[in-house]
């Protein structure tokens, strides 16, 4: 699974880790994140992420 990086702050979403602090289980692909998921560091939406 591919990692995605926030264009604003540089946070890297790693699907192997997920985002457990926000209820996203390890193994969740970026494409499968809920539409209302935001960057845990700066709060921007998924459209502000690029493939790493």
C-alpha atoms as a PDB file:
ATOM      1  CA  UNK A   1       0.000   0.000   0.000  1.00  0.00           C
ATOM      2  CA  UNK A   2       1.206   3.461  -0.874  1.00  0.00           C
ATOM      3  CA  UNK A   3       1.969   6.222   1.596  1.00  0.00           C
ATOM      4  CA  UNK A   4       0.508   9.702   1.157  1.00  0.00           C
ATOM      5  CA  UNK A   5       2.017  12.983   2.340  1.00  0.00           C
ATOM      6  CA  UNK A   6       0.174  16.141   3.378  1.00  0.00           C
ATOM      7  CA  UNK A   7       1.086  18.959   0.990  1.00  0.00           C
ATOM      8  CA  UNK A   8       0.685  21.527   3.769  1.00  0.00           C
ATOM      9  CA  UNK A   9       2.525  20.136   6.792  1.00  0.00           C
ATOM     10  CA  UNK A  10       4.377  17.017   5.574  1.00  0.00           C
ATOM     11  CA  UNK A  11       2.469  14.464   7.688  1.00  0.00           C
ATOM     12  CA  UNK A  12       2.794  11.020   6.114  1.00  0.00           C
ATOM     13  CA  UNK A  13      -0.217   8.695   6.176  1.00  0.00           C
ATOM     14  CA  UNK A  14       1.147   5.152   6.301  1.00  0.00           C
ATOM     15  CA  UNK A  15      -1.615   2.585   5.676  1.00  0.00           C
ATOM     16  CA  UNK A  16       0.345  -0.068   7.586  1.00  0.00           C
ATOM     17  CA  UNK A  17       0.045   2.094  10.712  1.00  0.00           C
ATOM     18  CA  UNK A  18      -3.325   3.745  10.043  1.00  0.00           C
ATOM     19  CA  UNK A  19      -4.414   6.602  12.300  1.00  0.00           C
ATOM     20  CA  UNK A  20      -5.403   4.840  15.527  1.00  0.00           C
ATOM     21  CA  UNK A  21      -5.801   8.112  17.462  1.00  0.00           C
ATOM     22  CA  UNK A  22      -8.662   8.961  15.086  1.00  0.00           C
ATOM     23  CA  UNK A  23     -10.207   5.496  14.814  1.00  0.00           C
ATOM     24  CA  UNK A  24      -8.469   4.381  11.591  1.00  0.00           C
ATOM     25  CA  UNK A  25      -7.266   0.792  11.902  1.00  0.00           C
ATOM     26  CA  UNK A  26      -3.864  -0.380  10.629  1.00  0.00           C
ATOM     27  CA  UNK A  27      -4.187  -1.755   7.106  1.00  0.00           C
ATOM     28  CA  UNK A  28      -6.627   0.952   5.946  1.00  0.00           C
ATOM     29  CA  UNK A  29      -5.697   2.172   2.460  1.00  0.00           C
ATOM     30  CA  UNK A  30      -5.743   5.935   1.878  1.00  0.00           C
ATOM     31  CA  UNK A  31      -8.547   5.480  -0.661  1.00  0.00           C
ATOM     32  CA  UNK A  32     -10.634   3.751   2.029  1.00  0.00           C
ATOM     33  CA  UNK A  33     -10.372   6.565   4.573  1.00  0.00           C
ATOM     34  CA  UNK A  34     -13.726   8.211   5.373  1.00  0.00           C
ATOM     35  CA  UNK A  35     -14.472  11.298   3.270  1.00  0.00           C
ATOM     36  CA  UNK A  36     -14.474  13.434   6.421  1.00  0.00           C
ATOM     37  CA  UNK A  37     -11.004  12.282   7.566  1.00  0.00           C
ATOM     38  CA  UNK A  38      -8.545  15.145   7.995  1.00  0.00           C
ATOM     39  CA  UNK A  39      -4.811  15.403   8.544  1.00  0.00           C
ATOM     40  CA  UNK A  40      -4.183  14.739  12.254  1.00  0.00           C
ATOM     41  CA  UNK A  41      -1.420  17.367  12.276  1.00  0.00           C
ATOM     42  CA  UNK A  42      -2.934  20.367  10.475  1.00  0.00           C
ATOM     43  CA  UNK A  43      -6.580  19.493   9.765  1.00  0.00           C
ATOM     44  CA  UNK A  44      -6.691  19.736   5.961  1.00  0.00           C
ATOM     45  CA  UNK A  45      -8.858  17.269   4.025  1.00  0.00           C
ATOM     46  CA  UNK A  46      -7.771  14.311   1.893  1.00  0.00           C
ATOM     47  CA  UNK A  47      -7.573  16.419  -1.264  1.00  0.00           C
ATOM     48  CA  UNK A  48      -4.437  18.066   0.160  1.00  0.00           C
ATOM     49  CA  UNK A  49      -2.469  14.788   0.140  1.00  0.00           C
ATOM     50  CA  UNK A  50      -0.188  13.453  -2.596  1.00  0.00           C
ATOM     51  CA  UNK A  51       1.279   9.996  -3.193  1.00  0.00           C
ATOM     52  CA  UNK A  52       4.727   9.779  -1.685  1.00  0.00           C
END
